[in-house]
């Protein structure tokens, strides 16, 4: 039996009220389509910002995604949820854009979306630096501006597809099955992609592990540990 996705999130089927809005939008109701946009607009913009790393270009993708959705909503047949269908459009636009601009964006840091030190995407990356025992606090780790910078750089250097999967899993909070449906691949492929992203991040931030452990426990890092903050990302299994 398929599980129902929450409103505003990709799932397997559409909630009843969303199904009604989809039907009305397919019959030409602009108001119904605007209601659908409001349910997904923040998630769509966050995803675009994470992948293209330019607010202006992310907003262009945001607009293009909803224009494309509006023009093709009559083709939506409910074989997946509306959220999955929409996120598929967005991720394809993001990945196409990222490939076209890859050379000029290699070292552009990720944008801070919330003006906070602890957005979920970055906190989850910091979590890879600390033990998962009770009391570990990845947000405390990020109080170091240098550590936060390095975490942001490591996230920015992930291949586009791995960054999409990491974003959908850890910032959007989607299940692996939902991500697989969005990217039209298998659950195992997504699991492998997420594993590679985690391994790359661990390798890129390996020299910060002791500093992060100190930060998570509230201890001040020793001087001989802080001098290693300039390390660069390493290869993982021979792949950059």
C-alpha atoms as a PDB file:
ATOM      1  CA  UNK A   1       0.000   0.000   0.000  1.00  0.00           C
ATOM      2  CA  UNK A   2       1.398   3.411  -0.930  1.00  0.00           C
ATOM      3  CA  UNK A   3       1.933   5.947   1.816  1.00  0.00           C
ATOM      4  CA  UNK A   4       0.430   9.396   1.549  1.00  0.00           C
ATOM      5  CA  UNK A   5       2.905  12.263   1.380  1.00  0.00           C
ATOM      6  CA  UNK A   6       2.470  15.299   3.547  1.00  0.00           C
ATOM      7  CA  UNK A   7       1.158  18.435   1.870  1.00  0.00           C
ATOM      8  CA  UNK A   8       4.037  20.389   0.360  1.00  0.00           C
ATOM      9  CA  UNK A   9       6.369  17.376   0.223  1.00  0.00           C
ATOM     10  CA  UNK A  10       6.929  14.787  -2.481  1.00  0.00           C
ATOM     11  CA  UNK A  11       5.208  11.527  -1.573  1.00  0.00           C
ATOM     12  CA  UNK A  12       3.654   8.564  -3.337  1.00  0.00           C
ATOM     13  CA  UNK A  13       0.094   9.844  -3.677  1.00  0.00           C
ATOM     14  CA  UNK A  14      -1.600  13.237  -3.491  1.00  0.00           C
ATOM     15  CA  UNK A  15      -3.513  14.288  -0.356  1.00  0.00           C
ATOM     16  CA  UNK A  16      -7.257  14.661  -1.104  1.00  0.00           C
ATOM     17  CA  UNK A  17      -7.245  18.466  -0.968  1.00  0.00           C
ATOM     18  CA  UNK A  18      -4.202  18.579  -3.237  1.00  0.00           C
ATOM     19  CA  UNK A  19      -5.837  16.217  -5.707  1.00  0.00           C
ATOM     20  CA  UNK A  20      -8.795  18.622  -5.849  1.00  0.00           C
ATOM     21  CA  UNK A  21      -6.481  21.572  -6.533  1.00  0.00           C
ATOM     22  CA  UNK A  22      -4.683  19.635  -9.261  1.00  0.00           C
ATOM     23  CA  UNK A  23      -7.984  18.831 -10.950  1.00  0.00           C
ATOM     24  CA  UNK A  24      -9.097  22.455 -10.798  1.00  0.00           C
ATOM     25  CA  UNK A  25      -5.729  23.673 -12.111  1.00  0.00           C
ATOM     26  CA  UNK A  26      -5.971  21.207 -15.002  1.00  0.00           C
ATOM     27  CA  UNK A  27      -9.370  22.712 -15.825  1.00  0.00           C
ATOM     28  CA  UNK A  28      -7.798  26.150 -16.002  1.00  0.00           C
ATOM     29  CA  UNK A  29      -8.133  27.571 -12.465  1.00  0.00           C
ATOM     30  CA  UNK A  30      -5.287  30.013 -11.851  1.00  0.00           C
ATOM     31  CA  UNK A  31      -6.291  30.297  -8.180  1.00  0.00           C
ATOM     32  CA  UNK A  32      -5.933  26.544  -7.667  1.00  0.00           C
ATOM     33  CA  UNK A  33      -2.506  26.570  -9.305  1.00  0.00           C
ATOM     34  CA  UNK A  34      -1.417  29.480  -7.084  1.00  0.00           C
ATOM     35  CA  UNK A  35      -2.430  27.406  -4.042  1.00  0.00           C
ATOM     36  CA  UNK A  36      -0.243  24.559  -5.312  1.00  0.00           C
ATOM     37  CA  UNK A  37       2.668  26.957  -5.820  1.00  0.00           C
ATOM     38  CA  UNK A  38       2.364  28.213  -2.236  1.00  0.00           C
ATOM     39  CA  UNK A  39       2.671  24.657  -0.940  1.00  0.00           C
ATOM     40  CA  UNK A  40       5.983  24.035  -2.691  1.00  0.00           C
ATOM     41  CA  UNK A  41       7.589  27.414  -3.405  1.00  0.00           C
ATOM     42  CA  UNK A  42      10.022  27.519  -0.457  1.00  0.00           C
ATOM     43  CA  UNK A  43      11.279  23.969  -1.034  1.00  0.00           C
ATOM     44  CA  UNK A  44      11.747  24.600  -4.745  1.00  0.00           C
ATOM     45  CA  UNK A  45      13.728  27.790  -4.138  1.00  0.00           C
ATOM     46  CA  UNK A  46      15.909  26.172  -1.451  1.00  0.00           C
ATOM     47  CA  UNK A  47      16.785  23.315  -3.754  1.00  0.00           C
ATOM     48  CA  UNK A  48      17.657  25.667  -6.620  1.00  0.00           C
ATOM     49  CA  UNK A  49      19.803  27.843  -4.337  1.00  0.00           C
ATOM     50  CA  UNK A  50      21.727  24.830  -3.062  1.00  0.00           C
ATOM     51  CA  UNK A  51      22.544  23.515  -6.505  1.00  0.00           C
ATOM     52  CA  UNK A  52      23.218  26.622  -8.628  1.00  0.00           C
ATOM     53  CA  UNK A  53      24.647  28.743  -5.754  1.00  0.00           C
ATOM     54  CA  UNK A  54      23.388  32.016  -7.188  1.00  0.00           C
ATOM     55  CA  UNK A  55      20.269  33.710  -5.848  1.00  0.00           C
ATOM     56  CA  UNK A  56      19.514  35.401  -9.166  1.00  0.00           C
ATOM     57  CA  UNK A  57      19.875  32.218 -11.188  1.00  0.00           C
ATOM     58  CA  UNK A  58      18.015  30.170  -8.576  1.00  0.00           C
ATOM     59  CA  UNK A  59      15.066  32.527  -8.862  1.00  0.00           C
ATOM     60  CA  UNK A  60      15.167  32.164 -12.636  1.00  0.00           C
ATOM     61  CA  UNK A  61      15.033  28.384 -12.248  1.00  0.00           C
ATOM     62  CA  UNK A  62      12.220  28.768  -9.705  1.00  0.00           C
ATOM     63  CA  UNK A  63      10.193  30.798 -12.193  1.00  0.00           C
ATOM     64  CA  UNK A  64      10.991  28.458 -15.088  1.00  0.00           C
ATOM     65  CA  UNK A  65      10.008  25.422 -13.023  1.00  0.00           C
ATOM     66  CA  UNK A  66       6.583  26.795 -12.168  1.00  0.00           C
ATOM     67  CA  UNK A  67       6.022  28.128 -15.689  1.00  0.00           C
ATOM     68  CA  UNK A  68       6.843  24.683 -17.053  1.00  0.00           C
ATOM     69  CA  UNK A  69       4.617  23.064 -14.444  1.00  0.00           C
ATOM     70  CA  UNK A  70       1.731  25.388 -15.336  1.00  0.00           C
ATOM     71  CA  UNK A  71       2.107  24.767 -19.064  1.00  0.00           C
ATOM     72  CA  UNK A  72       2.271  20.974 -18.695  1.00  0.00           C
ATOM     73  CA  UNK A  73      -0.034  20.302 -15.742  1.00  0.00           C
ATOM     74  CA  UNK A  74      -2.601  18.940 -18.169  1.00  0.00           C
ATOM     75  CA  UNK A  75      -0.165  16.086 -18.840  1.00  0.00           C
ATOM     76  CA  UNK A  76       0.024  15.114 -15.160  1.00  0.00           C
ATOM     77  CA  UNK A  77      -1.684  11.729 -14.804  1.00  0.00           C
ATOM     78  CA  UNK A  78      -1.123  11.001 -11.128  1.00  0.00           C
ATOM     79  CA  UNK A  79       1.314   8.125 -11.695  1.00  0.00           C
ATOM     80  CA  UNK A  80       3.414   9.744  -8.949  1.00  0.00           C
ATOM     81  CA  UNK A  81       2.576  12.517  -6.507  1.00  0.00           C
ATOM     82  CA  UNK A  82       2.412  16.105  -7.721  1.00  0.00           C
ATOM     83  CA  UNK A  83       5.359  16.936  -5.426  1.00  0.00           C
ATOM     84  CA  UNK A  84       7.496  14.225  -6.998  1.00  0.00           C
ATOM     85  CA  UNK A  85       6.553  15.400 -10.483  1.00  0.00           C
ATOM     86  CA  UNK A  86       7.366  19.032  -9.620  1.00  0.00           C
ATOM     87  CA  UNK A  87      10.677  18.221  -7.918  1.00  0.00           C
ATOM     88  CA  UNK A  88      11.661  16.147 -10.943  1.00  0.00           C
ATOM     89  CA  UNK A  89      11.194  19.239 -13.121  1.00  0.00           C
ATOM     90  CA  UNK A  90      13.199  21.371 -10.681  1.00  0.00           C
ATOM     91  CA  UNK A  91      16.092  18.933 -10.276  1.00  0.00           C
ATOM     92  CA  UNK A  92      16.403  18.476 -14.039  1.00  0.00           C
ATOM     93  CA  UNK A  93      16.526  22.242 -14.531  1.00  0.00           C
ATOM     94  CA  UNK A  94      19.102  22.592 -11.725  1.00  0.00           C
ATOM     95  CA  UNK A  95      21.325  19.800 -13.003  1.00  0.00           C
ATOM     96  CA  UNK A  96      21.181  21.102 -16.588  1.00  0.00           C
ATOM     97  CA  UNK A  97      22.102  24.577 -15.368  1.00  0.00           C
ATOM     98  CA  UNK A  98      24.902  23.269 -13.121  1.00  0.00           C
ATOM     99  CA  UNK A  99      26.458  21.296 -15.977  1.00  0.00           C
ATOM    100  CA  UNK A 100      26.462  24.348 -18.237  1.00  0.00           C
ATOM    101  CA  UNK A 101      28.119  26.508 -15.585  1.00  0.00           C
ATOM    102  CA  UNK A 102      30.318  23.904 -13.886  1.00  0.00           C
ATOM    103  CA  UNK A 103      33.690  25.424 -14.783  1.00  0.00           C
ATOM    104  CA  UNK A 104      32.921  28.823 -13.324  1.00  0.00           C
ATOM    105  CA  UNK A 105      31.261  27.513 -10.173  1.00  0.00           C
ATOM    106  CA  UNK A 106      33.778  25.003  -8.888  1.00  0.00           C
ATOM    107  CA  UNK A 107      34.866  27.066  -5.883  1.00  0.00           C
ATOM    108  CA  UNK A 108      31.755  29.140  -5.194  1.00  0.00           C
ATOM    109  CA  UNK A 109      30.631  28.565  -1.582  1.00  0.00           C
ATOM    110  CA  UNK A 110      27.098  27.517  -0.717  1.00  0.00           C
ATOM    111  CA  UNK A 111      24.695  30.303   0.142  1.00  0.00           C
ATOM    112  CA  UNK A 112      23.475  30.673   3.702  1.00  0.00           C
ATOM    113  CA  UNK A 113      19.712  30.480   3.304  1.00  0.00           C
ATOM    114  CA  UNK A 114      18.380  31.305   6.735  1.00  0.00           C
ATOM    115  CA  UNK A 115      20.943  33.696   8.127  1.00  0.00           C
ATOM    116  CA  UNK A 116      21.601  31.080  10.812  1.00  0.00           C
ATOM    117  CA  UNK A 117      24.637  29.021  11.717  1.00  0.00           C
ATOM    118  CA  UNK A 118      22.587  25.819  11.960  1.00  0.00           C
ATOM    119  CA  UNK A 119      20.551  25.222   8.792  1.00  0.00           C
ATOM    120  CA  UNK A 120      19.804  21.505   8.446  1.00  0.00           C
ATOM    121  CA  UNK A 121      21.916  20.981   5.342  1.00  0.00           C
ATOM    122  CA  UNK A 122      25.118  22.300   6.944  1.00  0.00           C
ATOM    123  CA  UNK A 123      24.414  20.832  10.371  1.00  0.00           C
ATOM    124  CA  UNK A 124      24.084  17.366   8.851  1.00  0.00           C
ATOM    125  CA  UNK A 125      27.483  17.786   7.194  1.00  0.00           C
ATOM    126  CA  UNK A 126      28.964  18.873  10.535  1.00  0.00           C
ATOM    127  CA  UNK A 127      27.360  15.827  12.150  1.00  0.00           C
ATOM    128  CA  UNK A 128      29.715  13.681  10.088  1.00  0.00           C
ATOM    129  CA  UNK A 129      32.575  15.213  12.078  1.00  0.00           C
ATOM    130  CA  UNK A 130      31.302  14.269  15.538  1.00  0.00           C
ATOM    131  CA  UNK A 131      30.309  11.103  17.283  1.00  0.00           C
ATOM    132  CA  UNK A 132      26.616  10.319  17.467  1.00  0.00           C
ATOM    133  CA  UNK A 133      26.798   9.694  21.198  1.00  0.00           C
ATOM    134  CA  UNK A 134      24.372  11.650  23.432  1.00  0.00           C
ATOM    135  CA  UNK A 135      25.598  15.163  24.040  1.00  0.00           C
ATOM    136  CA  UNK A 136      27.346  15.633  20.697  1.00  0.00           C
ATOM    137  CA  UNK A 137      26.296  18.968  19.238  1.00  0.00           C
ATOM    138  CA  UNK A 138      27.074  19.665  15.549  1.00  0.00           C
ATOM    139  CA  UNK A 139      25.723  23.217  15.883  1.00  0.00           C
ATOM    140  CA  UNK A 140      28.358  23.914  18.541  1.00  0.00           C
ATOM    141  CA  UNK A 141      30.973  22.711  16.056  1.00  0.00           C
ATOM    142  CA  UNK A 142      29.748  25.319  13.578  1.00  0.00           C
ATOM    143  CA  UNK A 143      30.351  28.149  16.058  1.00  0.00           C
ATOM    144  CA  UNK A 144      33.884  28.183  14.654  1.00  0.00           C
ATOM    145  CA  UNK A 145      33.776  30.389  11.568  1.00  0.00           C
ATOM    146  CA  UNK A 146      36.701  28.515  10.039  1.00  0.00           C
ATOM    147  CA  UNK A 147      35.046  25.134  10.540  1.00  0.00           C
ATOM    148  CA  UNK A 148      31.812  26.443   9.040  1.00  0.00           C
ATOM    149  CA  UNK A 149      33.718  27.794   6.045  1.00  0.00           C
ATOM    150  CA  UNK A 150      35.419  24.444   5.470  1.00  0.00           C
ATOM    151  CA  UNK A 151      32.122  22.557   5.781  1.00  0.00           C
ATOM    152  CA  UNK A 152      30.542  24.934   3.251  1.00  0.00           C
ATOM    153  CA  UNK A 153      33.433  24.470   0.835  1.00  0.00           C
ATOM    154  CA  UNK A 154      33.246  20.675   1.139  1.00  0.00           C
ATOM    155  CA  UNK A 155      29.517  20.716   0.431  1.00  0.00           C
ATOM    156  CA  UNK A 156      30.038  23.008  -2.568  1.00  0.00           C
ATOM    157  CA  UNK A 157      32.623  20.614  -4.023  1.00  0.00           C
ATOM    158  CA  UNK A 158      30.271  17.630  -4.054  1.00  0.00           C
ATOM    159  CA  UNK A 159      29.295  16.534  -7.581  1.00  0.00           C
ATOM    160  CA  UNK A 160      25.953  18.060  -8.530  1.00  0.00           C
ATOM    161  CA  UNK A 161      23.972  14.823  -8.345  1.00  0.00           C
ATOM    162  CA  UNK A 162      25.390  13.923  -4.924  1.00  0.00           C
ATOM    163  CA  UNK A 163      24.618  17.429  -3.665  1.00  0.00           C
ATOM    164  CA  UNK A 164      21.044  17.100  -4.956  1.00  0.00           C
ATOM    165  CA  UNK A 165      20.620  13.803  -3.111  1.00  0.00           C
ATOM    166  CA  UNK A 166      22.222  15.212   0.069  1.00  0.00           C
ATOM    167  CA  UNK A 167      19.941  18.260  -0.128  1.00  0.00           C
ATOM    168  CA  UNK A 168      16.766  16.268  -0.726  1.00  0.00           C
ATOM    169  CA  UNK A 169      17.588  13.864   2.100  1.00  0.00           C
ATOM    170  CA  UNK A 170      18.938  16.175   4.778  1.00  0.00           C
ATOM    171  CA  UNK A 171      17.414  19.593   4.075  1.00  0.00           C
ATOM    172  CA  UNK A 172      14.109  18.629   2.469  1.00  0.00           C
ATOM    173  CA  UNK A 173      13.868  15.589   4.742  1.00  0.00           C
ATOM    174  CA  UNK A 174      12.703  13.188   2.036  1.00  0.00           C
ATOM    175  CA  UNK A 175      12.847   9.418   2.241  1.00  0.00           C
ATOM    176  CA  UNK A 176      15.254   7.605  -0.066  1.00  0.00           C
ATOM    177  CA  UNK A 177      12.313   6.085  -1.973  1.00  0.00           C
ATOM    178  CA  UNK A 178      10.913   9.558  -2.692  1.00  0.00           C
ATOM    179  CA  UNK A 179      14.315  10.798  -3.890  1.00  0.00           C
ATOM    180  CA  UNK A 180      14.662   7.742  -6.138  1.00  0.00           C
ATOM    181  CA  UNK A 181      11.269   8.513  -7.653  1.00  0.00           C
ATOM    182  CA  UNK A 182      12.207  12.143  -8.259  1.00  0.00           C
ATOM    183  CA  UNK A 183      15.487  11.198  -9.945  1.00  0.00           C
ATOM    184  CA  UNK A 184      13.911   8.209 -11.719  1.00  0.00           C
ATOM    185  CA  UNK A 185      16.337   5.648 -10.383  1.00  0.00           C
ATOM    186  CA  UNK A 186      16.442   2.881  -7.780  1.00  0.00           C
ATOM    187  CA  UNK A 187      16.511   3.178  -4.001  1.00  0.00           C
ATOM    188  CA  UNK A 188      19.877   1.422  -3.968  1.00  0.00           C
ATOM    189  CA  UNK A 189      21.359   3.921  -6.433  1.00  0.00           C
ATOM    190  CA  UNK A 190      20.261   6.769  -4.187  1.00  0.00           C
ATOM    191  CA  UNK A 191      21.618   4.988  -1.116  1.00  0.00           C
ATOM    192  CA  UNK A 192      24.976   4.544  -2.874  1.00  0.00           C
ATOM    193  CA  UNK A 193      24.980   8.189  -3.991  1.00  0.00           C
ATOM    194  CA  UNK A 194      24.300   9.402  -0.456  1.00  0.00           C
ATOM    195  CA  UNK A 195      27.000   7.101   0.909  1.00  0.00           C
ATOM    196  CA  UNK A 196      29.530   8.542  -1.569  1.00  0.00           C
ATOM    197  CA  UNK A 197      28.559  12.075  -0.538  1.00  0.00           C
ATOM    198  CA  UNK A 198      29.107  11.198   3.117  1.00  0.00           C
ATOM    199  CA  UNK A 199      32.465   9.596   2.330  1.00  0.00           C
ATOM    200  CA  UNK A 200      33.626  12.592   0.314  1.00  0.00           C
ATOM    201  CA  UNK A 201      32.670  14.946   3.122  1.00  0.00           C
ATOM    202  CA  UNK A 202      34.434  12.814   5.724  1.00  0.00           C
ATOM    203  CA  UNK A 203      37.579  12.709   3.571  1.00  0.00           C
ATOM    204  CA  UNK A 204      37.484  16.434   2.791  1.00  0.00           C
ATOM    205  CA  UNK A 205      37.052  17.294   6.463  1.00  0.00           C
ATOM    206  CA  UNK A 206      39.226  14.564   7.973  1.00  0.00           C
ATOM    207  CA  UNK A 207      41.693  17.051   9.437  1.00  0.00           C
ATOM    208  CA  UNK A 208      38.871  18.730  11.358  1.00  0.00           C
ATOM    209  CA  UNK A 209      37.684  15.643  13.216  1.00  0.00           C
ATOM    210  CA  UNK A 210      39.647  16.308  16.424  1.00  0.00           C
ATOM    211  CA  UNK A 211      38.798  19.997  16.379  1.00  0.00           C
ATOM    212  CA  UNK A 212      35.132  19.134  15.855  1.00  0.00           C
ATOM    213  CA  UNK A 213      35.210  16.623  18.703  1.00  0.00           C
ATOM    214  CA  UNK A 214      36.591  19.327  20.989  1.00  0.00           C
ATOM    215  CA  UNK A 215      33.980  21.817  19.795  1.00  0.00           C
ATOM    216  CA  UNK A 216      31.110  19.383  20.253  1.00  0.00           C
ATOM    217  CA  UNK A 217      32.147  18.734  23.836  1.00  0.00           C
ATOM    218  CA  UNK A 218      32.838  22.379  24.616  1.00  0.00           C
ATOM    219  CA  UNK A 219      36.632  21.964  24.986  1.00  0.00           C
ATOM    220  CA  UNK A 220      38.913  24.571  23.479  1.00  0.00           C
ATOM    221  CA  UNK A 221      40.993  23.139  20.597  1.00  0.00           C
ATOM    222  CA  UNK A 222      44.724  22.954  21.179  1.00  0.00           C
ATOM    223  CA  UNK A 223      47.037  25.053  19.056  1.00  0.00           C
ATOM    224  CA  UNK A 224      48.599  22.106  17.243  1.00  0.00           C
ATOM    225  CA  UNK A 225      45.133  21.049  16.075  1.00  0.00           C
ATOM    226  CA  UNK A 226      44.040  24.443  14.791  1.00  0.00           C
ATOM    227  CA  UNK A 227      46.980  24.794  12.428  1.00  0.00           C
ATOM    228  CA  UNK A 228      45.596  21.977  10.280  1.00  0.00           C
ATOM    229  CA  UNK A 229      42.476  23.859   9.220  1.00  0.00           C
ATOM    230  CA  UNK A 230      43.870  24.631   5.786  1.00  0.00           C
ATOM    231  CA  UNK A 231      43.572  21.065   4.467  1.00  0.00           C
ATOM    232  CA  UNK A 232      41.958  20.491   1.111  1.00  0.00           C
ATOM    233  CA  UNK A 233      39.426  17.845  -0.001  1.00  0.00           C
ATOM    234  CA  UNK A 234      40.939  14.437  -0.737  1.00  0.00           C
ATOM    235  CA  UNK A 235      40.079  11.754  -3.224  1.00  0.00           C
ATOM    236  CA  UNK A 236      37.644   9.057  -2.139  1.00  0.00           C
ATOM    237  CA  UNK A 237      38.360   5.662  -3.656  1.00  0.00           C
ATOM    238  CA  UNK A 238      40.350   7.342  -6.383  1.00  0.00           C
ATOM    239  CA  UNK A 239      37.498   9.668  -7.416  1.00  0.00           C
ATOM    240  CA  UNK A 240      37.655  13.425  -7.058  1.00  0.00           C
END
